[in-house]
């Protein structure tokens, strides 16, 4: 289960990154100030998406889909750690002592 959760986390990051880069490209095409604002000022990207919803809805939903996939992968990773019982079928190795000869 761990490999699948890691794969989903990486896929989610990649999908969200694609959506964010598309929005950033749209912002820089609008003006350099919009692009720099998205890079350095919190919530400017959200304001840009709301103001230009007709153009930005696809990259925004791509970003949201990536975040959802990321959360699913994180949830699977946490669930696999929480629900995996400890393995008590094999005893721990016995301690070996070094005797003086």
N, C-alpha and C. Protein backbone atom coordinates (compact mmCIF):
# COMPACT_ATOMS: atom_id res chain seq x y z
N UNK A 1 0.82 -1.20 0.00
CA UNK A 1 0.00 0.00 0.00
C UNK A 1 0.86 1.25 0.00
N UNK A 2 2.07 1.17 0.52
CA UNK A 2 2.94 2.33 0.60
C UNK A 2 3.35 2.84 -0.78
N UNK A 3 3.63 1.95 -1.70
CA UNK A 3 4.07 2.37 -3.03
C UNK A 3 2.95 3.09 -3.78
N UNK A 4 1.73 2.60 -3.63
CA UNK A 4 0.60 3.24 -4.29
C UNK A 4 0.35 4.64 -3.71
N UNK A 5 0.48 4.78 -2.41
CA UNK A 5 0.26 6.09 -1.81
C UNK A 5 1.34 7.08 -2.25
N UNK A 6 2.58 6.62 -2.34
CA UNK A 6 3.65 7.50 -2.82
C UNK A 6 3.40 7.89 -4.27
N UNK A 7 2.96 6.94 -5.08
CA UNK A 7 2.67 7.24 -6.48
C UNK A 7 1.55 8.28 -6.60
N UNK A 8 0.50 8.13 -5.79
CA UNK A 8 -0.59 9.10 -5.82
C UNK A 8 -0.14 10.48 -5.33
N UNK A 9 0.69 10.51 -4.31
CA UNK A 9 1.21 11.79 -3.83
C UNK A 9 2.01 12.48 -4.91
N UNK A 10 2.90 11.76 -5.56
CA UNK A 10 3.72 12.36 -6.63
C UNK A 10 2.86 12.78 -7.82
N UNK A 11 1.87 11.97 -8.17
CA UNK A 11 0.98 12.34 -9.28
C UNK A 11 0.18 13.59 -8.92
N UNK A 12 -0.31 13.67 -7.69
CA UNK A 12 -1.06 14.84 -7.25
C UNK A 12 -0.23 16.10 -7.29
N UNK A 13 1.01 15.99 -6.84
CA UNK A 13 1.91 17.15 -6.89
C UNK A 13 2.13 17.58 -8.33
N UNK A 14 2.35 16.61 -9.22
CA UNK A 14 2.57 16.94 -10.63
C UNK A 14 1.36 17.58 -11.28
N UNK A 15 0.18 17.04 -11.00
CA UNK A 15 -1.04 17.60 -11.60
C UNK A 15 -1.30 19.01 -11.08
N UNK A 16 -1.13 19.22 -9.77
CA UNK A 16 -1.33 20.55 -9.20
C UNK A 16 -0.30 21.53 -9.74
N UNK A 17 0.92 21.07 -9.92
CA UNK A 17 1.97 21.93 -10.46
C UNK A 17 1.66 22.37 -11.89
N UNK A 18 1.11 21.47 -12.68
CA UNK A 18 0.73 21.82 -14.06
C UNK A 18 -0.33 22.92 -14.05
N UNK A 19 -1.35 22.78 -13.19
CA UNK A 19 -2.39 23.81 -13.09
C UNK A 19 -1.84 25.15 -12.63
N UNK A 20 -0.95 25.12 -11.64
CA UNK A 20 -0.36 26.36 -11.15
C UNK A 20 0.50 27.04 -12.21
N UNK A 21 1.26 26.27 -12.95
CA UNK A 21 2.11 26.85 -13.99
C UNK A 21 1.25 27.45 -15.10
N UNK A 22 0.15 26.79 -15.45
CA UNK A 22 -0.74 27.35 -16.46
C UNK A 22 -1.31 28.69 -16.01
N UNK A 23 -1.72 28.79 -14.75
CA UNK A 23 -2.24 30.06 -14.23
C UNK A 23 -1.13 31.11 -14.22
N UNK A 24 0.06 30.72 -13.84
CA UNK A 24 1.18 31.66 -13.82
C UNK A 24 1.50 32.17 -15.22
N UNK A 25 1.45 31.31 -16.21
CA UNK A 25 1.69 31.74 -17.59
C UNK A 25 0.61 32.72 -18.03
N UNK A 26 -0.66 32.43 -17.70
CA UNK A 26 -1.74 33.37 -18.04
C UNK A 26 -1.53 34.72 -17.37
N UNK A 27 -1.07 34.70 -16.14
CA UNK A 27 -0.86 35.95 -15.42
C UNK A 27 0.26 36.76 -16.05
N UNK A 28 1.36 36.12 -16.41
CA UNK A 28 2.45 36.85 -17.06
C UNK A 28 2.06 37.35 -18.45
N UNK A 29 1.18 36.63 -19.15
CA UNK A 29 0.68 37.13 -20.44
C UNK A 29 -0.19 38.36 -20.26
N UNK A 30 -0.91 38.41 -19.13
CA UNK A 30 -1.73 39.59 -18.82
C UNK A 30 -0.83 40.80 -18.54
N UNK A 31 0.08 40.65 -17.61
CA UNK A 31 1.09 41.67 -17.33
C UNK A 31 2.14 41.08 -16.41
N UNK A 32 3.30 41.71 -16.42
CA UNK A 32 4.39 41.25 -15.57
C UNK A 32 4.03 41.41 -14.10
N UNK A 33 3.29 42.47 -13.76
CA UNK A 33 2.91 42.69 -12.37
C UNK A 33 2.00 41.58 -11.84
N UNK A 34 1.06 41.12 -12.67
CA UNK A 34 0.21 40.00 -12.24
C UNK A 34 1.07 38.76 -11.96
N UNK A 35 1.98 38.47 -12.86
CA UNK A 35 2.84 37.30 -12.68
C UNK A 35 3.70 37.40 -11.43
N UNK A 36 4.32 38.54 -11.22
CA UNK A 36 5.14 38.72 -10.02
C UNK A 36 4.28 38.71 -8.77
N UNK A 37 3.07 39.27 -8.88
CA UNK A 37 2.16 39.24 -7.74
C UNK A 37 1.79 37.82 -7.34
N UNK A 38 1.53 36.99 -8.33
CA UNK A 38 1.20 35.59 -8.04
C UNK A 38 2.39 34.88 -7.39
N UNK A 39 3.59 35.21 -7.84
CA UNK A 39 4.77 34.55 -7.29
C UNK A 39 5.07 34.98 -5.86
N UNK A 40 4.86 36.27 -5.54
CA UNK A 40 5.38 36.79 -4.29
C UNK A 40 4.35 37.29 -3.29
N UNK A 41 3.10 37.48 -3.68
CA UNK A 41 2.08 38.03 -2.78
C UNK A 41 1.00 36.98 -2.54
N UNK A 42 0.72 36.68 -1.27
CA UNK A 42 -0.31 35.67 -0.99
C UNK A 42 -1.68 36.07 -1.53
N UNK A 43 -2.42 35.11 -2.01
CA UNK A 43 -3.81 35.22 -2.48
C UNK A 43 -3.99 36.02 -3.76
N UNK A 44 -2.93 36.51 -4.37
CA UNK A 44 -3.07 37.22 -5.64
C UNK A 44 -3.48 36.24 -6.74
N UNK A 45 -2.99 35.01 -6.66
CA UNK A 45 -3.38 34.00 -7.64
C UNK A 45 -4.86 33.71 -7.58
N UNK A 46 -5.41 33.63 -6.39
CA UNK A 46 -6.84 33.39 -6.24
C UNK A 46 -7.65 34.58 -6.76
N UNK A 47 -7.19 35.78 -6.49
CA UNK A 47 -7.86 36.98 -7.01
C UNK A 47 -7.81 36.99 -8.54
N UNK A 48 -6.66 36.62 -9.10
CA UNK A 48 -6.53 36.58 -10.55
C UNK A 48 -7.49 35.56 -11.15
N UNK A 49 -7.61 34.39 -10.54
CA UNK A 49 -8.50 33.35 -11.05
C UNK A 49 -9.95 33.81 -10.98
N UNK A 50 -10.34 34.44 -9.87
CA UNK A 50 -11.73 34.90 -9.73
C UNK A 50 -12.04 36.00 -10.75
N UNK A 51 -11.10 36.91 -10.96
CA UNK A 51 -11.35 38.01 -11.89
C UNK A 51 -11.38 37.55 -13.35
N UNK A 52 -10.67 36.47 -13.65
CA UNK A 52 -10.61 35.97 -15.03
C UNK A 52 -11.08 34.52 -15.11
N UNK A 53 -12.21 34.25 -14.48
CA UNK A 53 -12.73 32.90 -14.38
C UNK A 53 -12.95 32.25 -15.75
N UNK A 54 -13.39 33.02 -16.73
CA UNK A 54 -13.68 32.47 -18.06
C UNK A 54 -12.44 31.84 -18.69
N UNK A 55 -11.27 32.39 -18.37
CA UNK A 55 -10.03 31.87 -18.95
C UNK A 55 -9.32 30.88 -18.01
N UNK A 56 -9.52 31.03 -16.72
CA UNK A 56 -8.72 30.29 -15.74
C UNK A 56 -9.40 29.09 -15.11
N UNK A 57 -10.62 28.78 -15.49
CA UNK A 57 -11.31 27.72 -14.78
C UNK A 57 -10.69 26.34 -15.01
N UNK A 58 -10.19 26.09 -16.21
CA UNK A 58 -9.58 24.77 -16.47
C UNK A 58 -8.28 24.56 -15.68
N UNK A 59 -7.35 25.52 -15.70
CA UNK A 59 -6.15 25.32 -14.87
C UNK A 59 -6.46 25.27 -13.37
N UNK A 60 -7.45 26.05 -12.94
CA UNK A 60 -7.83 26.04 -11.53
C UNK A 60 -8.37 24.67 -11.13
N UNK A 61 -9.25 24.11 -11.95
CA UNK A 61 -9.79 22.78 -11.65
C UNK A 61 -8.72 21.69 -11.77
N UNK A 62 -7.74 21.89 -12.65
CA UNK A 62 -6.61 20.97 -12.72
C UNK A 62 -5.84 21.00 -11.41
N UNK A 63 -5.63 22.20 -10.88
CA UNK A 63 -4.95 22.36 -9.60
C UNK A 63 -5.74 21.68 -8.48
N UNK A 64 -7.05 21.89 -8.45
CA UNK A 64 -7.89 21.28 -7.42
C UNK A 64 -7.86 19.75 -7.54
N UNK A 65 -7.91 19.24 -8.76
CA UNK A 65 -7.86 17.78 -8.96
C UNK A 65 -6.54 17.22 -8.45
N UNK A 66 -5.45 17.93 -8.71
CA UNK A 66 -4.15 17.49 -8.20
C UNK A 66 -4.10 17.47 -6.69
N UNK A 67 -4.69 18.46 -6.06
CA UNK A 67 -4.72 18.50 -4.60
C UNK A 67 -5.56 17.36 -4.05
N UNK A 68 -6.67 17.05 -4.71
CA UNK A 68 -7.52 15.93 -4.26
C UNK A 68 -6.75 14.61 -4.37
N UNK A 69 -6.05 14.40 -5.47
CA UNK A 69 -5.26 13.17 -5.64
C UNK A 69 -4.16 13.11 -4.58
N UNK A 70 -3.53 14.25 -4.30
CA UNK A 70 -2.51 14.32 -3.26
C UNK A 70 -3.08 13.93 -1.90
N UNK A 71 -4.24 14.47 -1.55
CA UNK A 71 -4.88 14.15 -0.27
C UNK A 71 -5.25 12.67 -0.19
N UNK A 72 -5.73 12.11 -1.28
CA UNK A 72 -6.06 10.68 -1.28
C UNK A 72 -4.81 9.85 -1.02
N UNK A 73 -3.72 10.20 -1.69
CA UNK A 73 -2.47 9.48 -1.47
C UNK A 73 -1.97 9.62 -0.04
N UNK A 74 -2.07 10.83 0.51
CA UNK A 74 -1.65 11.04 1.90
C UNK A 74 -2.53 10.26 2.86
N UNK A 75 -3.84 10.25 2.60
CA UNK A 75 -4.75 9.50 3.44
C UNK A 75 -4.47 8.01 3.39
N UNK A 76 -4.18 7.50 2.20
CA UNK A 76 -3.85 6.08 2.08
C UNK A 76 -2.56 5.75 2.82
N UNK A 77 -1.59 6.66 2.74
CA UNK A 77 -0.33 6.43 3.44
C UNK A 77 -0.51 6.42 4.94
N UNK A 78 -1.29 7.35 5.45
CA UNK A 78 -1.55 7.39 6.89
C UNK A 78 -2.36 6.18 7.31
N UNK A 79 -3.37 5.83 6.53
CA UNK A 79 -4.22 4.69 6.88
C UNK A 79 -3.42 3.39 6.87
N UNK A 80 -2.48 3.26 5.95
CA UNK A 80 -1.70 2.03 5.92
C UNK A 80 -0.77 1.94 7.12
N UNK A 81 -0.31 3.06 7.63
CA UNK A 81 0.54 3.04 8.82
C UNK A 81 -0.26 2.78 10.08
N UNK A 82 -1.47 3.31 10.13
CA UNK A 82 -2.28 3.18 11.33
C UNK A 82 -2.88 1.78 11.42
N UNK A 83 -3.31 1.23 10.30
CA UNK A 83 -4.03 -0.05 10.33
C UNK A 83 -3.13 -1.27 10.22
N UNK A 84 -1.83 -1.09 10.03
CA UNK A 84 -0.93 -2.22 9.94
C UNK A 84 -0.57 -2.69 11.34
N UNK A 85 -0.99 -3.89 11.70
CA UNK A 85 -0.66 -4.37 13.05
C UNK A 85 0.81 -4.75 13.14
N UNK A 86 1.38 -4.68 14.32
CA UNK A 86 2.78 -5.10 14.47
C UNK A 86 2.91 -6.60 14.26
N UNK A 87 4.06 -7.01 13.77
CA UNK A 87 4.31 -8.42 13.49
C UNK A 87 5.01 -9.05 14.69
N UNK A 88 4.25 -9.86 15.43
CA UNK A 88 4.80 -10.54 16.60
C UNK A 88 5.04 -12.03 16.33
N UNK A 89 5.00 -12.44 15.07
CA UNK A 89 5.12 -13.86 14.75
C UNK A 89 6.55 -14.35 14.94
N UNK A 90 7.53 -13.51 14.76
CA UNK A 90 8.92 -13.93 14.93
C UNK A 90 9.48 -13.27 16.18
N UNK A 91 10.14 -14.02 17.03
CA UNK A 91 10.71 -13.42 18.23
C UNK A 91 11.92 -12.56 17.88
N UNK A 92 12.21 -11.60 18.72
CA UNK A 92 13.40 -10.79 18.44
C UNK A 92 14.66 -11.62 18.60
N UNK A 93 15.72 -11.25 17.94
CA UNK A 93 16.95 -12.05 18.05
C UNK A 93 17.50 -11.99 19.47
N UNK A 94 18.06 -13.09 19.89
CA UNK A 94 18.63 -13.15 21.24
C UNK A 94 19.91 -12.34 21.29
N UNK A 95 20.13 -11.72 22.44
CA UNK A 95 21.34 -10.94 22.59
C UNK A 95 22.53 -11.87 22.77
N UNK A 96 23.60 -11.57 22.10
CA UNK A 96 24.79 -12.38 22.22
C UNK A 96 25.80 -11.64 23.07
N UNK A 97 26.39 -12.34 23.96
CA UNK A 97 27.42 -11.74 24.80
C UNK A 97 28.77 -12.27 24.40
N UNK A 98 29.73 -11.42 24.52
CA UNK A 98 31.10 -11.81 24.20
C UNK A 98 31.74 -12.28 25.50
N UNK A 99 32.20 -13.53 25.52
CA UNK A 99 32.84 -14.04 26.72
C UNK A 99 34.34 -13.88 26.61
N UNK A 100 34.96 -13.61 27.73
CA UNK A 100 36.41 -13.48 27.75
C UNK A 100 37.04 -14.87 27.68
N UNK A 101 38.03 -15.03 26.86
CA UNK A 101 38.68 -16.33 26.71
C UNK A 101 40.01 -16.32 27.35
